[in-house]
Each structure stands twice: as structure tokens, then as C-alpha cells.
Amino acid sequence: MAIAQQTVGTSATTIYTSSGSSATTAIFLMNNNAAARTVQIYVVPNGGSAGTTTQIIKDLTIDAADTYVINTEKLVLSNGDTIQVTSSDDATSVYATVSYVSI
């Protein structure tokens, strides 16, 4: 198992790129701000871009100083597929961690 980490910005931020086939085991989104932040999450096929057709979570509000965990279902990704996130604020409030395994 391995992890990838990234600070999330207001434009689509790639928090994980699959090299080969892989599966996520958990995604953590931590809001390190005193105010709530809203995020969007996208699973983007290799060569694609973040948009309505690749969005899996819309307008998820993370309360101040809270963490949201996605670990109920695995995402199986092919080579070059990405997980991207946008935040309602600058790149100093929301931090993302992806736990994954190669398959």
C-alpha cells in the first residue's frame, strides 16, 4: 500500500495519477481552516479532463478543522487515470491524501 498527498486549489488539482492498474483504499480530505470549505471530486480517465461527466462528488462541505473520509468502495483505475479535486478556497486550506494499492 502507498499514499499520495497534495494541497487542493481552486482549479482542478490532481491528487493521484495511476501508474499501471491500481485501486484506492481510502481518500482523506482535511480542512485546515477555521471556516467550512466546499470540494468537488472527479475521477478522470487518461487523457480526459475534470468536468460534469467525470464528477463523482459535487459540493461536499467539510466543516472547519474537520476531515472527510471516503473508504466504503474502492476505485479501480487504469494507467494514467487521475483523481482530481477542487476547493472553494485557495491552496492553503484543504489537504488530500489517497491510499492505494497496485493490482
C-alpha atoms as a PDB file:
ATOM      1  CA  MET A   1       0.000   0.000   0.000  1.00  0.00           C
ATOM      2  CA  ALA A   2       1.166   3.534  -0.751  1.00  0.00           C
ATOM      3  CA  ILE A   3      -0.042   7.102  -0.330  1.00  0.00           C
ATOM      4  CA  ALA A   4      -0.150  10.251  -2.435  1.00  0.00           C
ATOM      5  CA  GLN A   5      -0.681  13.687  -0.918  1.00  0.00           C
ATOM      6  CA  GLN A   6      -1.478  17.106  -2.358  1.00  0.00           C
ATOM      7  CA  THR A   7      -2.751  20.521  -1.328  1.00  0.00           C
ATOM      8  CA  VAL A   8      -6.037  21.265  -3.137  1.00  0.00           C
ATOM      9  CA  GLY A   9      -6.541  24.528  -5.031  1.00  0.00           C
ATOM     10  CA  THR A  10      -9.467  26.311  -6.648  1.00  0.00           C
ATOM     11  CA  SER A  11      -8.725  24.774 -10.045  1.00  0.00           C
ATOM     12  CA  ALA A  12      -8.733  21.014 -10.632  1.00  0.00           C
ATOM     13  CA  THR A  13      -5.802  19.624  -8.634  1.00  0.00           C
ATOM     14  CA  THR A  14      -4.592  16.126  -9.452  1.00  0.00           C
ATOM     15  CA  ILE A  15      -4.247  14.336  -6.128  1.00  0.00           C
ATOM     16  CA  TYR A  16      -3.396  10.926  -7.626  1.00  0.00           C
ATOM     17  CA  THR A  17      -2.314   9.566 -11.011  1.00  0.00           C
ATOM     18  CA  SER A  18      -2.440   5.812 -11.541  1.00  0.00           C
ATOM     19  CA  SER A  19       0.705   4.236 -12.966  1.00  0.00           C
ATOM     20  CA  GLY A  20      -0.460   0.852 -14.160  1.00  0.00           C
ATOM     21  CA  SER A  21      -3.638  -0.556 -12.674  1.00  0.00           C
ATOM     22  CA  SER A  22      -4.416   0.443  -9.102  1.00  0.00           C
ATOM     23  CA  ALA A  23      -7.236   0.657  -6.596  1.00  0.00           C
ATOM     24  CA  THR A  24      -7.835   3.291  -3.948  1.00  0.00           C
ATOM     25  CA  THR A  25      -8.353   2.071  -0.408  1.00  0.00           C
ATOM     26  CA  ALA A  26      -9.244   5.475   1.080  1.00  0.00           C
ATOM     27  CA  ILE A  27      -9.338   9.169   0.262  1.00  0.00           C
ATOM     28  CA  PHE A  28      -8.960  11.722   3.069  1.00  0.00           C
ATOM     29  CA  LEU A  29      -9.852  15.399   2.636  1.00  0.00           C
ATOM     30  CA  MET A  30      -8.786  17.553   5.586  1.00  0.00           C
ATOM     31  CA  ASN A  31      -9.921  21.155   6.019  1.00  0.00           C
ATOM     32  CA  ASN A  32      -7.223  23.006   7.941  1.00  0.00           C
ATOM     33  CA  ASN A  33      -9.156  26.291   8.028  1.00  0.00           C
ATOM     34  CA  ALA A  34     -11.381  27.981  10.615  1.00  0.00           C
ATOM     35  CA  ALA A  35     -14.196  28.176   8.036  1.00  0.00           C
ATOM     36  CA  ALA A  36     -16.036  25.441   6.136  1.00  0.00           C
ATOM     37  CA  ARG A  37     -14.776  24.612   2.639  1.00  0.00           C
ATOM     38  CA  THR A  38     -16.614  23.013  -0.290  1.00  0.00           C
ATOM     39  CA  VAL A  39     -14.929  20.494  -2.586  1.00  0.00           C
ATOM     40  CA  GLN A  40     -15.704  18.759  -5.873  1.00  0.00           C
ATOM     41  CA  ILE A  41     -14.183  15.343  -6.682  1.00  0.00           C
ATOM     42  CA  TYR A  42     -13.549  13.957 -10.166  1.00  0.00           C
ATOM     43  CA  VAL A  43     -12.334  10.597 -11.473  1.00  0.00           C
ATOM     44  CA  VAL A  44     -10.808  11.375 -14.849  1.00  0.00           C
ATOM     45  CA  PRO A  45      -9.840   8.797 -17.483  1.00  0.00           C
ATOM     46  CA  ASN A  46      -6.384   9.031 -19.046  1.00  0.00           C
ATOM     47  CA  GLY A  47      -6.357  11.988 -21.456  1.00  0.00           C
ATOM     48  CA  GLY A  48      -9.619  13.435 -20.109  1.00  0.00           C
ATOM     49  CA  SER A  49     -10.373  16.494 -18.019  1.00  0.00           C
ATOM     50  CA  ALA A  50     -12.328  17.337 -14.879  1.00  0.00           C
ATOM     51  CA  GLY A  51     -15.922  18.267 -15.699  1.00  0.00           C
ATOM     52  CA  THR A  52     -19.547  17.350 -15.186  1.00  0.00           C
ATOM     53  CA  THR A  53     -19.192  13.931 -16.837  1.00  0.00           C
ATOM     54  CA  THR A  54     -16.239  12.909 -14.620  1.00  0.00           C
ATOM     55  CA  GLN A  55     -17.546  14.336 -11.345  1.00  0.00           C
ATOM     56  CA  ILE A  56     -18.316  11.818  -8.601  1.00  0.00           C
ATOM     57  CA  ILE A  57     -18.963  14.195  -5.668  1.00  0.00           C
ATOM     58  CA  LYS A  58     -20.492  17.667  -6.013  1.00  0.00           C
ATOM     59  CA  ASP A  59     -20.493  20.433  -3.414  1.00  0.00           C
ATOM     60  CA  LEU A  60     -19.225  18.421  -0.453  1.00  0.00           C
ATOM     61  CA  THR A  61     -18.920  20.765   2.523  1.00  0.00           C
ATOM     62  CA  ILE A  62     -16.154  19.967   5.001  1.00  0.00           C
ATOM     63  CA  ASP A  63     -16.592  21.786   8.288  1.00  0.00           C
ATOM     64  CA  ALA A  64     -13.785  23.846   9.805  1.00  0.00           C
ATOM     65  CA  ALA A  65     -10.921  21.713  11.146  1.00  0.00           C
ATOM     66  CA  ASP A  66     -12.658  18.504  10.039  1.00  0.00           C
ATOM     67  CA  THR A  67     -11.748  15.559   7.812  1.00  0.00           C
ATOM     68  CA  TYR A  68     -13.944  13.714   5.319  1.00  0.00           C
ATOM     69  CA  VAL A  69     -13.031  10.089   4.564  1.00  0.00           C
ATOM     70  CA  ILE A  70     -14.116   8.082   1.520  1.00  0.00           C
ATOM     71  CA  ASN A  71     -13.441   4.410   2.198  1.00  0.00           C
ATOM     72  CA  THR A  72     -16.628   2.471   1.564  1.00  0.00           C
ATOM     73  CA  GLU A  73     -15.884   1.477  -2.030  1.00  0.00           C
ATOM     74  CA  LYS A  74     -12.656   1.046  -3.966  1.00  0.00           C
ATOM     75  CA  LEU A  75     -11.976   2.949  -7.180  1.00  0.00           C
ATOM     76  CA  VAL A  76     -10.190   0.800  -9.756  1.00  0.00           C
ATOM     77  CA  LEU A  77      -8.052   2.942 -12.055  1.00  0.00           C
ATOM     78  CA  SER A  78      -6.152   2.208 -15.267  1.00  0.00           C
ATOM     79  CA  ASN A  79      -2.782   3.605 -16.243  1.00  0.00           C
ATOM     80  CA  GLY A  80      -2.934   7.418 -16.459  1.00  0.00           C
ATOM     81  CA  ASP A  81      -6.362   7.799 -14.824  1.00  0.00           C
ATOM     82  CA  THR A  82      -6.461  10.557 -12.204  1.00  0.00           C
ATOM     83  CA  ILE A  83      -8.391  11.655  -9.140  1.00  0.00           C
ATOM     84  CA  GLN A  84      -8.814  15.426  -9.115  1.00  0.00           C
ATOM     85  CA  VAL A  85     -10.289  17.775  -6.529  1.00  0.00           C
ATOM     86  CA  THR A  86     -11.220  21.460  -6.442  1.00  0.00           C
ATOM     87  CA  SER A  87     -11.747  23.572  -3.328  1.00  0.00           C
ATOM     88  CA  SER A  88     -13.847  26.673  -2.736  1.00  0.00           C
ATOM     89  CA  ASP A  89     -10.779  28.444  -1.372  1.00  0.00           C
ATOM     90  CA  ASP A  90      -7.086  28.895  -2.137  1.00  0.00           C
ATOM     91  CA  ALA A  91      -4.471  26.163  -1.926  1.00  0.00           C
ATOM     92  CA  THR A  92      -3.830  26.552   1.806  1.00  0.00           C
ATOM     93  CA  SER A  93      -6.972  25.080   3.361  1.00  0.00           C
ATOM     94  CA  VAL A  94      -7.763  21.585   2.044  1.00  0.00           C
ATOM     95  CA  TYR A  95      -5.244  18.749   2.017  1.00  0.00           C
ATOM     96  CA  ALA A  96      -5.881  15.443   0.253  1.00  0.00           C
ATOM     97  CA  THR A  97      -4.378  12.026   0.917  1.00  0.00           C
ATOM     98  CA  VAL A  98      -5.052   8.968  -1.250  1.00  0.00           C
ATOM     99  CA  SER A  99      -4.203   5.478  -0.072  1.00  0.00           C
ATOM    100  CA  TYR A 100      -3.864   2.991  -2.947  1.00  0.00           C
ATOM    101  CA  VAL A 101      -2.560  -0.418  -3.983  1.00  0.00           C
ATOM    102  CA  SER A 102      -1.236  -1.635  -7.314  1.00  0.00           C
ATOM    103  CA  ILE A 103      -3.192  -4.511  -8.820  1.00  0.00           C
END
